[in-house]
Amino acid sequence: MKKLKLLILVFLMGITTVSWAQTNVTGTVMDEQNVPLPGANVVVKGTNNGVVTDFDGNFSINVKDAKARLVVSYIGYVAKEFTLDGSSNYTITLAEDATGLEEVVVIGYGSVKKSDLTGAVASLNTEALTEQKKTDIGQAMQGRVAGVDVRALSSKPGAPLSIKIRGNTVITNNNAGRDGVSDNLEDDLSKPLYVVDGVFFEDINILNPADIEQMDILKDASATAIYGSRGANGVVIITTKSGIEGKTVFSYESTFGLRSATNIPDMYSGDEYVAFIDDLLKARAWRGLFSNGNFGTVDDYNNAVIDRSTEFQSSNEEANNVATGRYTDWLGDYRKTGIQTSHTLGMSGGSNGLTYNGSLGYLSDEGVMGIEGYERYNLSASLSKKVTDQLTVGVKTYLALSEREEGSRELFRSTFRLAPTVNSFDPEGEVSLFPDDQDQRFANPYYDATGAWRVNTKSLDVIANVYLNYKPASWINFKTQFAPNISTTRFGEYRGLYTKSSRNDASRIQSHYDSRFRTSYTWDNIVDFDFDFFKGHNLKTTLISSLYYNQNEGSDIQTRNFDTDAYLFYNTQAGTDIRDYGSFYGKQSLASFAGRLNYNIQDKYLFTFTGRYDGSSKLSVGNKWNFFPSAAFAWRVSEENFMESVDWINDLKLRLSYGESGNDTTVQPYSSLSFLNNTNYLFGDAQGNGKSVAGLSNSNLTWEISKEYNFGLDFAMVNNRVRLGFEYYNKETEGSILDRQLSSITGFGSAVGNFGSVRNKGIELTLNTVNVRTKDFSWKTSINFSKNTNEILKLDGDLDEIPFGSHGVLKIGEAVDAIYAYDKVGIWQLDEAADAAVYNAVPGQYKYVDQNNDNLINQDDQVVLGSISPEWTGGMTNSFAYKNLDFSVQMYTRQGVLGHSEFYQHFAPYQGDDGKFNKVDLDYWTPNNPDAKYPAPEYGHPGEWYFENFDFVRIGNIGLGYNFSDSLMDQFNMSSLRLSLDVQNPFTFTDYKGPDPETGLQNSYNMTYSVKTVLFGLKLTF
């Protein structure tokens, strides 16, 4: 009987234990305004047992210990820990974390709390990326992150942006020309590495900002070293959204906007153009008086007899138009209002360890000229299943289908070139193919505007990340992920019969069709260790093996001579004149082994050590592998005991780091090898076909290596209402790859190798303040400032400068993108006519510095005038909120940019084209206007000097939003509803008179106006 009682007691105790093991604890997580926080993490401390709150902030979790301790955390809020007291339901209130120290930052192959960062990393969450309704995430970054220079290359829909992180480490860049940076960013060797859900990615322009959960920018070498050879230009890590466990939540976001031209250049009206022609003709006659020591006078200029018939033709009614004051507004006739619209439908939820997220997005963006337009479809899906407490499997996929129609590459500048005195139609009412009888180069833009010239690119990108996560114990985690990327692009161009290049000649019609197919994958295996080996000492270790493979192939063809425009670029075989055809193939691979160690002592002393060993197939045998180490230390001074009495300081952290990273993107696959080319030769009287060596091999071709020091400071005070971040860095890139010029006696023009060295150093400042915070009203300000100095330290051998292009030079002590030309110091005046004659110049022309005083102005007098990279950049955002209404103003600036203005070269009054082009209204020199900034028309510009400062301050966005009250939403069974109005790029302040100082470095060919967008937005969840 005693044994039976004992068995019953044991059985009941077992039932009690099992019952407690299955005890369910529920609760709600809210903010300080009692608003539920969906997606908050609730974890049993010391275990991997955790759940995520649903959309109403509710959670339910099974616990095994009656005295278990729960940890509740949410991005942007201070984490809270509490011990269960036997209750079955809890309400947890989280306080807003003004310092953001609890935010999780992705640092590559892992993440850490912001408070534990030792390197220079900046983050933008989904709210920051979407609040201004930008069409791509590059635009959303602009002016928001210190040390990141984002520049628009064109305002055409779908145009890419140039992104630089802490300057340019590459001495020779494939896409850097005299006019800035081409829009073929695939050739940009200084662009950062983009990682989207673990996939190395090329074009982030195709991503929908609404699909992005977070973007993390790794800036210093300590942070980027985990990517080794891929991280020399900085790393941008993009994480797309994942599911949240809880009830299914549907969201819909839509925008509708109107796009219009802004910052329109002040071109001459009809009467102004006629007056300019009079001045031009006077200048032409007056200039003819200068000879044999004789100089013209002001009276000679004023009394000059001019003949307008040399400029205003009678054959096309131009002379009659001038006489009657009938003019054509070429610019106004071909500008229009474009429509922009977007829609994103999302769904997210999960239960029982299964979470899912999916979205479907569409963007349509029309240009403000001709047939320009961009369409993009995005499909995002993620699925994760917690199979057991130890095993989680999942997959993320992302698909983007886009089509960009650039239209005519001549339309924009044709409308600027054509004088207002010529007609678009002949007397019979027919379109004049060549309106200006003076110059047959300028076709009527009417045809280009209606699609005679097509430039069309269609792309399909598919990325995926399939992963398995196994955590056998709380201190160890293993993850393997396979991330493929498939990209196919078709480029088509068609120049029809009535385009500038064809000129109504069917034999000149041309059709281009290019196709490209790229496949790549990354396979990562990651092991994480995380444990306290004794109190106050935490060690996190990450071990990585990675394999990257990339294969490119494609073909292209160009044919001419079509008998119809009906085929466009879809039927190249209809062209009987085959001009060009070919195909290409290339592949590369990268194998890597890496490790990172984070050592935390009492949350005060933080150490990070990283090393990566990379092997690249692109480099020469014996030089493929290299090791890239880094080390960083951070001291959280504010956690020290002696800081307890300093209550006005809330956070103070000092950081110091050193790291090395490599770069092999500056060489193409097989660059270390020599090749054979087809060659024709004479054998007697017969022509033979043979082979010749096309280039020299380089058995020593190896990595560019960047070595960087970084000092950082993070500071917060006055109840975290003032937060300051400071960075100082010095990065030196050794073994920079460039072409060595060879003597022609060798039979080769150049050889590629590791010959140069370049340095970037600078400072970055970030200031965030809460200026006013009351119950109903708040005002916040965010300011960032960056200054970078770029300098070449070494070139090929003993060379100290290598001029290139029209105005470029590689010169020791100067920037890699320096402008090299004559130093202008003014304009020759009438009383300096004799001095000007020494240099074969006359009054009204630019005066240049004779650097060597030899009475000649030639290439020996060229000097570095500046750089196309900014001396400093900055941005500021002010955000105001009153109850449910919010308002924000964001601006950014680029200062200290000097470059060649292709727009001025075409349209400045001193351009010297005999008045064939219309002109931008600039203050030009005449004997009656000697204090003018620019030289005389017609003769005033010998040679080329169209350099301008492209400094500007731009209001990037003015936004107004309203969130409807929860009580109203409950009536409609909705969770949230927001209406917004954004005005993007409404104002630009600059001295530059061209269309846009931001794109001023670019050629006016294939350009368009700067664009302002008024955008209405709707966002709802239910």
Foldseek 3Di string as FASTA:
>chain_A
DVVVVVVVVVVVVVVVQVCLQFQKAKEFEAEPVRQGDFQKWKAFPFALFIATAHPRRMDMGGHRDQFTKIWIDDFQWDIDIDTHDNDRYDYHYTYGDLQRQQHWADLDLDIDGNLQDFADKDKDFLCQQPVQPDAFSLLSCDQPDWQWHWFFQFPFPLQAIAIFGQDFFFLDFPQQAQLGGDSPCVRGQLGAFEAEPNDTDDGRSLDGSNFWGMKMKGHFQQSQCQVFQRGPRTYIYTYGDWFHADDKWKKKKKKKWKKFFDLAFFFDDQVRLVVLLLQQQLVVQQVVQDDPNGHGAQVSSVPDDGDCCVPQPPVQCLVVCSVVVQWAQLVVVFFAMKMKMKMKMKMWYHDPQKTKIKMWMWIWTADGGAGWIKIKIKIKMKIKGDPDSFKIWMKIKMKMKMKTKLFALCLFVLSQFFRRSWDQAGPVRHGDQQRDPVDLLRGRSVCSSHHLKIKMKIKMKMKMKTKMWGHPGSFKIKMKIKMKMKMKMKIKIWHHCSHSQNSNPQQRTKIKIKIKIKIKMKIKIKMWGWDAPDPQKIKIKIKMKMKIKMKMKMKMWMAGRAPDCVCGRVCRVRGPGTDDIDMDIDMKMKIKIKMKMWIGGNSFKIKIKIKMWMAIQQFAPPARIDMKIKIKMKGFVCPDPVNPVVQFWDTKMKMKMKIKHWHDSVDGHPQQDWDWDWDWDDDDNDIDIDIDTQAHHHNAAHIWMKMKIKIKMWTAGDSRQKIKIKMKMKIKIFQRWDWAADDCVVVDGTGITRWWMKMKIWMKMWIKGFPDDDPFKTKIKIKMKIFMAIFTATGHDPDQKDADHDFAMRGGGHHSQFGKAFAFDAFDAQVCQVVQVLAPGGGQATDTDPPVPPSYDDSVRIDTDFGQAARMKMKMKMWMGGHQKIKMWIKMWGHRGKRAFLLCCSADQQVQPSSSTTHRDAFGDDNVRRPGRHGRGNPHYDDDDRMDTLIKMWGAKIKMKGKDDCVVCVVVVWRTKMKMKMKGRPDMDDPDSHQHSSNRSRNSRSHHHDMIMIMIMMMTMD
